[in-house]
């Protein structure tokens, strides 16, 4: 029984760390318009070609590509 509870606790901890979250940030569009938003943190190892963002916590998830933005 003790091993079962330990295994269950370990799985819960692992799944809670595996979730990606949105962090406050901004990006600049090609027309120099600055957009304050929440950017999905995906722990990129290299420069991404696209990223996901939300304008507010409750809004729907959007995506942008590096062809459409100057920086984020």
C-alpha atoms as a PDB file:
ATOM      1  CA  UNK A   1       0.000   0.000   0.000  1.00  0.00           C
ATOM      2  CA  UNK A   2       2.831   2.390   0.817  1.00  0.00           C
ATOM      3  CA  UNK A   3       4.423   1.795  -2.603  1.00  0.00           C
ATOM      4  CA  UNK A   4       1.107   2.512  -4.296  1.00  0.00           C
ATOM      5  CA  UNK A   5       0.736   5.875  -2.544  1.00  0.00           C
ATOM      6  CA  UNK A   6       4.352   6.789  -3.266  1.00  0.00           C
ATOM      7  CA  UNK A   7       3.924   5.955  -6.954  1.00  0.00           C
ATOM      8  CA  UNK A   8       0.698   7.941  -7.159  1.00  0.00           C
ATOM      9  CA  UNK A   9       2.296  10.969  -5.517  1.00  0.00           C
ATOM     10  CA  UNK A  10       5.264  10.778  -7.881  1.00  0.00           C
ATOM     11  CA  UNK A  11       2.972  10.715 -10.936  1.00  0.00           C
ATOM     12  CA  UNK A  12       1.011  13.723  -9.707  1.00  0.00           C
ATOM     13  CA  UNK A  13       4.215  15.715  -9.198  1.00  0.00           C
ATOM     14  CA  UNK A  14       5.569  14.779 -12.630  1.00  0.00           C
ATOM     15  CA  UNK A  15       2.376  15.767 -14.429  1.00  0.00           C
ATOM     16  CA  UNK A  16       2.168  19.099 -12.625  1.00  0.00           C
ATOM     17  CA  UNK A  17       5.673  20.060 -13.801  1.00  0.00           C
ATOM     18  CA  UNK A  18       5.035  18.898 -17.376  1.00  0.00           C
ATOM     19  CA  UNK A  19       2.437  21.569 -18.125  1.00  0.00           C
ATOM     20  CA  UNK A  20       3.429  24.595 -20.152  1.00  0.00           C
ATOM     21  CA  UNK A  21       2.201  27.977 -19.043  1.00  0.00           C
ATOM     22  CA  UNK A  22       1.715  31.467 -20.440  1.00  0.00           C
ATOM     23  CA  UNK A  23       4.009  34.231 -19.226  1.00  0.00           C
ATOM     24  CA  UNK A  24       3.566  37.972 -19.479  1.00  0.00           C
ATOM     25  CA  UNK A  25       5.416  39.448 -22.442  1.00  0.00           C
ATOM     26  CA  UNK A  26       5.034  41.315 -25.696  1.00  0.00           C
ATOM     27  CA  UNK A  27       5.826  41.106 -29.372  1.00  0.00           C
ATOM     28  CA  UNK A  28       6.354  43.752 -32.023  1.00  0.00           C
ATOM     29  CA  UNK A  29       4.530  43.345 -35.322  1.00  0.00           C
ATOM     30  CA  UNK A  30       6.143  44.126 -38.674  1.00  0.00           C
ATOM     31  CA  UNK A  31       4.417  47.536 -38.670  1.00  0.00           C
ATOM     32  CA  UNK A  32       6.131  48.432 -35.326  1.00  0.00           C
ATOM     33  CA  UNK A  33       2.928  47.918 -33.290  1.00  0.00           C
ATOM     34  CA  UNK A  34       3.695  46.600 -29.786  1.00  0.00           C
ATOM     35  CA  UNK A  35       1.264  43.949 -28.486  1.00  0.00           C
ATOM     36  CA  UNK A  36       1.186  43.213 -24.732  1.00  0.00           C
ATOM     37  CA  UNK A  37       0.150  39.595 -24.231  1.00  0.00           C
ATOM     38  CA  UNK A  38       0.794  36.269 -22.515  1.00  0.00           C
ATOM     39  CA  UNK A  39       3.294  34.118 -24.448  1.00  0.00           C
ATOM     40  CA  UNK A  40       3.318  30.339 -24.107  1.00  0.00           C
ATOM     41  CA  UNK A  41       6.631  29.280 -22.587  1.00  0.00           C
ATOM     42  CA  UNK A  42       7.770  26.158 -24.421  1.00  0.00           C
ATOM     43  CA  UNK A  43      11.405  26.152 -23.224  1.00  0.00           C
ATOM     44  CA  UNK A  44      12.853  26.557 -26.701  1.00  0.00           C
ATOM     45  CA  UNK A  45      16.364  25.232 -27.281  1.00  0.00           C
ATOM     46  CA  UNK A  46      16.711  27.142 -30.558  1.00  0.00           C
ATOM     47  CA  UNK A  47      15.026  30.173 -32.089  1.00  0.00           C
ATOM     48  CA  UNK A  48      11.393  29.253 -32.782  1.00  0.00           C
ATOM     49  CA  UNK A  49       9.673  29.757 -36.129  1.00  0.00           C
ATOM     50  CA  UNK A  50       6.290  30.370 -34.457  1.00  0.00           C
ATOM     51  CA  UNK A  51       4.870  30.950 -30.987  1.00  0.00           C
ATOM     52  CA  UNK A  52       1.493  30.904 -29.249  1.00  0.00           C
ATOM     53  CA  UNK A  53       0.022  33.793 -27.294  1.00  0.00           C
ATOM     54  CA  UNK A  54      -3.128  35.021 -25.558  1.00  0.00           C
ATOM     55  CA  UNK A  55      -4.212  38.631 -25.236  1.00  0.00           C
ATOM     56  CA  UNK A  56      -5.807  37.920 -21.819  1.00  0.00           C
ATOM     57  CA  UNK A  57      -6.001  34.926 -19.466  1.00  0.00           C
ATOM     58  CA  UNK A  58      -9.485  34.038 -20.716  1.00  0.00           C
ATOM     59  CA  UNK A  59      -9.043  34.748 -24.433  1.00  0.00           C
ATOM     60  CA  UNK A  60      -8.443  32.104 -27.037  1.00  0.00           C
ATOM     61  CA  UNK A  61      -4.931  30.992 -27.963  1.00  0.00           C
ATOM     62  CA  UNK A  62      -3.469  32.556 -31.128  1.00  0.00           C
ATOM     63  CA  UNK A  63      -0.222  31.940 -32.945  1.00  0.00           C
ATOM     64  CA  UNK A  64       2.253  34.112 -34.819  1.00  0.00           C
ATOM     65  CA  UNK A  65       5.228  33.351 -37.024  1.00  0.00           C
ATOM     66  CA  UNK A  66       8.578  35.085 -37.170  1.00  0.00           C
ATOM     67  CA  UNK A  67       7.717  36.332 -40.662  1.00  0.00           C
ATOM     68  CA  UNK A  68       4.967  38.503 -39.123  1.00  0.00           C
ATOM     69  CA  UNK A  69       6.831  39.868 -36.084  1.00  0.00           C
ATOM     70  CA  UNK A  70      10.082  41.719 -35.512  1.00  0.00           C
ATOM     71  CA  UNK A  71      10.725  40.468 -31.957  1.00  0.00           C
ATOM     72  CA  UNK A  72       9.047  38.830 -28.983  1.00  0.00           C
END
